[in-house]
Amino acid sequence: MKREKETDWAKAINFIPKDREIIVYDCQDGEIRFKIGDGKTKVNDLPFTDDNSFAVLDGTFIVGE
């Protein structure tokens, strides 16, 4: 799991989280948001978990479904 401020994640343009790695965003408005790595997508291109653009199938995270 990695946790940073939203502004710091915006600078991490080449960081690719490991498969199933949890990425925590501390947003400027006080909200906390999460992304889940797939091992191939850059962190800024991953959807937030609350965007409903991921699925869990047999314990495996599938991003973009």
PDB file of N, CA and C in Angstrom:
ATOM      1  N   MET A   1       0.843  -1.175   0.000  1.00  0.00           N
ATOM      2  CA  MET A   1       0.000   0.000   0.000  1.00  0.00           C
ATOM      3  C   MET A   1       0.885   1.233   0.000  1.00  0.00           C
ATOM      4  N   LYS A   2       0.504   2.213  -0.776  1.00  0.00           N
ATOM      5  CA  LYS A   2       1.222   3.484  -0.823  1.00  0.00           C
ATOM      6  C   LYS A   2       0.219   4.610  -0.595  1.00  0.00           C
ATOM      7  N   ARG A   3       0.633   5.601   0.191  1.00  0.00           N
ATOM      8  CA  ARG A   3      -0.259   6.712   0.504  1.00  0.00           C
ATOM      9  C   ARG A   3       0.490   8.028   0.346  1.00  0.00           C
ATOM     10  N   GLU A   4      -0.103   8.942  -0.430  1.00  0.00           N
ATOM     11  CA  GLU A   4       0.489  10.257  -0.673  1.00  0.00           C
ATOM     12  C   GLU A   4      -0.627  11.283  -0.842  1.00  0.00           C
ATOM     13  N   LYS A   5      -0.241  12.532  -0.828  1.00  0.00           N
ATOM     14  CA  LYS A   5      -1.181  13.609  -1.127  1.00  0.00           C
ATOM     15  C   LYS A   5      -1.545  13.560  -2.602  1.00  0.00           C
ATOM     16  N   GLU A   6      -2.740  14.007  -2.906  1.00  0.00           N
ATOM     17  CA  GLU A   6      -3.240  14.050  -4.283  1.00  0.00           C
ATOM     18  C   GLU A   6      -2.271  14.792  -5.208  1.00  0.00           C
ATOM     19  N   THR A   7      -1.712  15.895  -4.738  1.00  0.00           N
ATOM     20  CA  THR A   7      -0.792  16.682  -5.562  1.00  0.00           C
ATOM     21  C   THR A   7       0.508  15.915  -5.850  1.00  0.00           C
ATOM     22  N   ASP A   8       0.940  15.081  -4.918  1.00  0.00           N
ATOM     23  CA  ASP A   8       2.143  14.279  -5.152  1.00  0.00           C
ATOM     24  C   ASP A   8       1.882  13.167  -6.156  1.00  0.00           C
ATOM     25  N   TRP A   9       0.708  12.544  -6.088  1.00  0.00           N
ATOM     26  CA  TRP A   9       0.377  11.497  -7.059  1.00  0.00           C
ATOM     27  C   TRP A   9       0.303  12.065  -8.471  1.00  0.00           C
ATOM     28  N   ALA A  10      -0.133  13.297  -8.606  1.00  0.00           N
ATOM     29  CA  ALA A  10      -0.216  13.924  -9.931  1.00  0.00           C
ATOM     30  C   ALA A  10       1.159  14.027 -10.583  1.00  0.00           C
ATOM     31  N   LYS A  11       2.204  14.084  -9.769  1.00  0.00           N
ATOM     32  CA  LYS A  11       3.577  14.174 -10.276  1.00  0.00           C
ATOM     33  C   LYS A  11       4.173  12.808 -10.604  1.00  0.00           C
ATOM     34  N   ALA A  12       3.542  11.738 -10.174  1.00  0.00           N
ATOM     35  CA  ALA A  12       4.072  10.381 -10.345  1.00  0.00           C
ATOM     36  C   ALA A  12       3.682   9.815 -11.704  1.00  0.00           C
ATOM     37  N   ILE A  13       4.083  10.487 -12.764  1.00  0.00           N
ATOM     38  CA  ILE A  13       3.585  10.160 -14.100  1.00  0.00           C
ATOM     39  C   ILE A  13       4.072   8.812 -14.644  1.00  0.00           C
ATOM     40  N   ASN A  14       5.159   8.273 -14.131  1.00  0.00           N
ATOM     41  CA  ASN A  14       5.672   7.002 -14.647  1.00  0.00           C
ATOM     42  C   ASN A  14       5.531   5.845 -13.662  1.00  0.00           C
ATOM     43  N   PHE A  15       4.900   6.084 -12.521  1.00  0.00           N
ATOM     44  CA  PHE A  15       4.778   5.037 -11.500  1.00  0.00           C
ATOM     45  C   PHE A  15       3.693   4.038 -11.870  1.00  0.00           C
ATOM     46  N   ILE A  16       4.050   2.760 -11.888  1.00  0.00           N
ATOM     47  CA  ILE A  16       3.107   1.682 -12.160  1.00  0.00           C
ATOM     48  C   ILE A  16       2.967   0.850 -10.886  1.00  0.00           C
ATOM     49  N   PRO A  17       1.825   0.926 -10.223  1.00  0.00           N
ATOM     50  CA  PRO A  17       1.621   0.122  -9.020  1.00  0.00           C
ATOM     51  C   PRO A  17       1.598  -1.370  -9.347  1.00  0.00           C
ATOM     52  N   LYS A  18       2.044  -2.162  -8.413  1.00  0.00           N
ATOM     53  CA  LYS A  18       2.025  -3.610  -8.579  1.00  0.00           C
ATOM     54  C   LYS A  18       0.585  -4.103  -8.641  1.00  0.00           C
ATOM     55  N   ASP A  19       0.404  -5.303  -9.179  1.00  0.00           N
ATOM     56  CA  ASP A  19      -0.906  -5.915  -9.243  1.00  0.00           C
ATOM     57  C   ASP A  19      -1.497  -6.013  -7.837  1.00  0.00           C
ATOM     58  N   ARG A  20      -2.685  -5.452  -7.642  1.00  0.00           N
ATOM     59  CA  ARG A  20      -3.440  -5.438  -6.385  1.00  0.00           C
ATOM     60  C   ARG A  20      -2.861  -4.496  -5.328  1.00  0.00           C
ATOM     61  N   GLU A  21      -1.872  -3.690  -5.684  1.00  0.00           N
ATOM     62  CA  GLU A  21      -1.333  -2.714  -4.730  1.00  0.00           C
ATOM     63  C   GLU A  21      -2.351  -1.596  -4.526  1.00  0.00           C
ATOM     64  N   ILE A  22      -2.606  -1.248  -3.295  1.00  0.00           N
ATOM     65  CA  ILE A  22      -3.579  -0.212  -2.963  1.00  0.00           C
ATOM     66  C   ILE A  22      -2.874   1.141  -2.934  1.00  0.00           C
ATOM     67  N   ILE A  23      -3.439   2.095  -3.644  1.00  0.00           N
ATOM     68  CA  ILE A  23      -2.901   3.444  -3.735  1.00  0.00           C
ATOM     69  C   ILE A  23      -3.905   4.375  -3.058  1.00  0.00           C
ATOM     70  N   VAL A  24      -3.448   5.094  -2.043  1.00  0.00           N
ATOM     71  CA  VAL A  24      -4.326   5.968  -1.267  1.00  0.00           C
ATOM     72  C   VAL A  24      -4.014   7.419  -1.604  1.00  0.00           C
ATOM     73  N   TYR A  25      -5.046   8.163  -1.929  1.00  0.00           N
ATOM     74  CA  TYR A  25      -4.939   9.587  -2.241  1.00  0.00           C
ATOM     75  C   TYR A  25      -5.521  10.385  -1.083  1.00  0.00           C
ATOM     76  N   ASP A  26      -4.721  11.252  -0.478  1.00  0.00           N
ATOM     77  CA  ASP A  26      -5.222  12.217   0.492  1.00  0.00           C
ATOM     78  C   ASP A  26      -5.538  13.487  -0.289  1.00  0.00           C
ATOM     79  N   CYS A  27      -6.810  13.738  -0.541  1.00  0.00           N
ATOM     80  CA  CYS A  27      -7.235  14.858  -1.375  1.00  0.00           C
ATOM     81  C   CYS A  27      -7.235  16.173  -0.595  1.00  0.00           C
ATOM     82  N   GLN A  28      -7.118  17.252  -1.334  1.00  0.00           N
ATOM     83  CA  GLN A  28      -7.061  18.579  -0.729  1.00  0.00           C
ATOM     84  C   GLN A  28      -8.336  18.928   0.023  1.00  0.00           C
ATOM     85  N   ASP A  29      -9.468  18.358  -0.389  1.00  0.00           N
ATOM     86  CA  ASP A  29     -10.735  18.659   0.283  1.00  0.00           C
ATOM     87  C   ASP A  29     -10.972  17.780   1.514  1.00  0.00           C
ATOM     88  N   GLY A  30      -9.959  16.970   1.884  1.00  0.00           N
ATOM     89  CA  GLY A  30     -10.054  16.116   3.054  1.00  0.00           C
ATOM     90  C   GLY A  30     -10.553  14.717   2.756  1.00  0.00           C
ATOM     91  N   GLU A  31     -11.017  14.501   1.531  1.00  0.00           N
ATOM     92  CA  GLU A  31     -11.498  13.190   1.126  1.00  0.00           C
ATOM     93  C   GLU A  31     -10.316  12.232   0.953  1.00  0.00           C
ATOM     94  N   ILE A  32     -10.543  10.962   1.198  1.00  0.00           N
ATOM     95  CA  ILE A  32      -9.537   9.929   0.950  1.00  0.00           C
ATOM     96  C   ILE A  32     -10.090   9.028  -0.136  1.00  0.00           C
ATOM     97  N   ARG A  33      -9.309   8.844  -1.205  1.00  0.00           N
ATOM     98  CA  ARG A  33      -9.745   8.020  -2.336  1.00  0.00           C
ATOM     99  C   ARG A  33      -8.721   6.914  -2.575  1.00  0.00           C
ATOM    100  N   PHE A  34      -9.154   5.856  -3.246  1.00  0.00           N
ATOM    101  CA  PHE A  34      -8.306   4.683  -3.450  1.00  0.00           C
ATOM    102  C   PHE A  34      -8.270   4.268  -4.914  1.00  0.00           C
ATOM    103  N   LYS A  35      -7.131   3.729  -5.307  1.00  0.00           N
ATOM    104  CA  LYS A  35      -6.970   3.071  -6.597  1.00  0.00           C
ATOM    105  C   LYS A  35      -6.336   1.720  -6.315  1.00  0.00           C
ATOM    106  N   ILE A  36      -6.496   0.790  -7.238  1.00  0.00           N
ATOM    107  CA  ILE A  36      -5.901  -0.528  -7.093  1.00  0.00           C
ATOM    108  C   ILE A  36      -5.085  -0.820  -8.340  1.00  0.00           C
ATOM    109  N   GLY A  37      -3.802  -1.113  -8.133  1.00  0.00           N
ATOM    110  CA  GLY A  37      -2.901  -1.377  -9.249  1.00  0.00           C
ATOM    111  C   GLY A  37      -3.209  -2.680  -9.960  1.00  0.00           C
ATOM    112  N   ASP A  38      -2.837  -2.714 -11.241  1.00  0.00           N
ATOM    113  CA  ASP A  38      -2.984  -3.938 -12.028  1.00  0.00           C
ATOM    114  C   ASP A  38      -1.640  -4.446 -12.549  1.00  0.00           C
ATOM    115  N   GLY A  39      -0.555  -3.770 -12.169  1.00  0.00           N
ATOM    116  CA  GLY A  39       0.777  -4.198 -12.572  1.00  0.00           C
ATOM    117  C   GLY A  39       1.207  -3.741 -13.950  1.00  0.00           C
ATOM    118  N   LYS A  40       0.340  -3.003 -14.658  1.00  0.00           N
ATOM    119  CA  LYS A  40       0.717  -2.556 -16.006  1.00  0.00           C
ATOM    120  C   LYS A  40       0.262  -1.142 -16.348  1.00  0.00           C
ATOM    121  N   THR A  41      -0.664  -0.584 -15.565  1.00  0.00           N
ATOM    122  CA  THR A  41      -1.213   0.738 -15.844  1.00  0.00           C
ATOM    123  C   THR A  41      -0.587   1.786 -14.921  1.00  0.00           C
ATOM    124  N   LYS A  42      -0.208   2.932 -15.497  1.00  0.00           N
ATOM    125  CA  LYS A  42       0.352   4.023 -14.691  1.00  0.00           C
ATOM    126  C   LYS A  42      -0.687   4.527 -13.705  1.00  0.00           C
ATOM    127  N   VAL A  43      -0.208   4.949 -12.547  1.00  0.00           N
ATOM    128  CA  VAL A  43      -1.101   5.324 -11.452  1.00  0.00           C
ATOM    129  C   VAL A  43      -2.113   6.395 -11.855  1.00  0.00           C
ATOM    130  N   ASN A  44      -1.710   7.366 -12.646  1.00  0.00           N
ATOM    131  CA  ASN A  44      -2.625   8.434 -13.033  1.00  0.00           C
ATOM    132  C   ASN A  44      -3.668   7.984 -14.056  1.00  0.00           C
ATOM    133  N   ASP A  45      -3.455   6.828 -14.673  1.00  0.00           N
ATOM    134  CA  ASP A  45      -4.422   6.291 -15.632  1.00  0.00           C
ATOM    135  C   ASP A  45      -5.382   5.283 -14.999  1.00  0.00           C
ATOM    136  N   LEU A  46      -5.122   4.888 -13.758  1.00  0.00           N
ATOM    137  CA  LEU A  46      -6.011   3.957 -13.069  1.00  0.00           C
ATOM    138  C   LEU A  46      -7.272   4.677 -12.603  1.00  0.00           C
ATOM    139  N   PRO A  47      -8.410   4.004 -12.643  1.00  0.00           N
ATOM    140  CA  PRO A  47      -9.632   4.610 -12.120  1.00  0.00           C
ATOM    141  C   PRO A  47      -9.649   4.543 -10.594  1.00  0.00           C
ATOM    142  N   PHE A  48     -10.375   5.439  -9.972  1.00  0.00           N
ATOM    143  CA  PHE A  48     -10.594   5.353  -8.540  1.00  0.00           C
ATOM    144  C   PHE A  48     -11.602   4.237  -8.285  1.00  0.00           C
ATOM    145  N   THR A  49     -11.492   3.579  -7.144  1.00  0.00           N
ATOM    146  CA  THR A  49     -12.395   2.465  -6.836  1.00  0.00           C
ATOM    147  C   THR A  49     -13.846   2.921  -6.758  1.00  0.00           C
ATOM    148  N   ASP A  50     -14.086   4.169  -6.360  1.00  0.00           N
ATOM    149  CA  ASP A  50     -15.459   4.650  -6.259  1.00  0.00           C
ATOM    150  C   ASP A  50     -16.035   5.070  -7.603  1.00  0.00           C
ATOM    151  N   ASP A  51     -15.258   4.938  -8.679  1.00  0.00           N
ATOM    152  CA  ASP A  51     -15.765   5.216 -10.028  1.00  0.00           C
ATOM    153  C   ASP A  51     -16.496   4.015 -10.623  1.00  0.00           C
ATOM    154  N   ASN A  52     -16.496   2.892  -9.888  1.00  0.00           N
ATOM    155  CA  ASN A  52     -17.163   1.657 -10.327  1.00  0.00           C
ATOM    156  C   ASN A  52     -16.641   1.144 -11.662  1.00  0.00           C
ATOM    157  N   SER A  53     -15.373   1.390 -11.958  1.00  0.00           N
ATOM    158  CA  SER A  53     -14.797   0.916 -13.213  1.00  0.00           C
ATOM    159  C   SER A  53     -13.817  -0.226 -12.974  1.00  0.00           C
ATOM    160  N   PHE A  54     -14.061  -0.974 -11.911  1.00  0.00           N
ATOM    161  CA  PHE A  54     -13.269  -2.162 -11.674  1.00  0.00           C
ATOM    162  C   PHE A  54     -14.205  -3.244 -11.151  1.00  0.00           C
ATOM    163  N   ALA A  55     -13.741  -4.471 -11.200  1.00  0.00           N
ATOM    164  CA  ALA A  55     -14.541  -5.585 -10.701  1.00  0.00           C
ATOM    165  C   ALA A  55     -13.630  -6.545  -9.966  1.00  0.00           C
ATOM    166  N   VAL A  56     -14.212  -7.355  -9.114  1.00  0.00           N
ATOM    167  CA  VAL A  56     -13.465  -8.405  -8.441  1.00  0.00           C
ATOM    168  C   VAL A  56     -14.075  -9.727  -8.858  1.00  0.00           C
ATOM    169  N   LEU A  57     -13.247 -10.578  -9.446  1.00  0.00           N
ATOM    170  CA  LEU A  57     -13.709 -11.870  -9.926  1.00  0.00           C
ATOM    171  C   LEU A  57     -12.822 -12.952  -9.336  1.00  0.00           C
ATOM    172  N   ASP A  58     -13.369 -13.815  -8.532  1.00  0.00           N
ATOM    173  CA  ASP A  58     -12.595 -14.873  -7.874  1.00  0.00           C
ATOM    174  C   ASP A  58     -11.387 -14.329  -7.128  1.00  0.00           C
ATOM    175  N   GLY A  59     -11.536 -13.182  -6.481  1.00  0.00           N
ATOM    176  CA  GLY A  59     -10.449 -12.595  -5.705  1.00  0.00           C
ATOM    177  C   GLY A  59      -9.441 -11.833  -6.540  1.00  0.00           C
ATOM    178  N   THR A  60      -9.676 -11.714  -7.849  1.00  0.00           N
ATOM    179  CA  THR A  60      -8.754 -11.001  -8.735  1.00  0.00           C
ATOM    180  C   THR A  60      -9.382  -9.675  -9.137  1.00  0.00           C
ATOM    181  N   PHE A  61      -8.619  -8.597  -9.016  1.00  0.00           N
ATOM    182  CA  PHE A  61      -9.097  -7.279  -9.426  1.00  0.00           C
ATOM    183  C   PHE A  61      -8.978  -7.137 -10.934  1.00  0.00           C
ATOM    184  N   ILE A  62     -10.036  -6.694 -11.562  1.00  0.00           N
ATOM    185  CA  ILE A  62     -10.050  -6.464 -13.001  1.00  0.00           C
ATOM    186  C   ILE A  62     -10.389  -4.998 -13.212  1.00  0.00           C
ATOM    187  N   VAL A  63      -9.444  -4.237 -13.733  1.00  0.00           N
ATOM    188  CA  VAL A  63      -9.634  -2.812 -13.933  1.00  0.00           C
ATOM    189  C   VAL A  63     -10.174  -2.579 -15.341  1.00  0.00           C
ATOM    190  N   GLY A  64     -11.164  -1.679 -15.429  1.00  0.00           N
ATOM    191  CA  GLY A  64     -11.693  -1.290 -16.737  1.00  0.00           C
ATOM    192  C   GLY A  64     -12.835  -2.137 -17.210  1.00  0.00           C
ATOM    193  N   GLU A  65     -13.401  -2.977 -16.379  1.00  0.00           N
ATOM    194  CA  GLU A  65     -14.543  -3.800 -16.776  1.00  0.00           C
ATOM    195  C   GLU A  65     -15.817  -3.002 -16.670  1.00  0.00           C
TER     196      GLU A  65
END
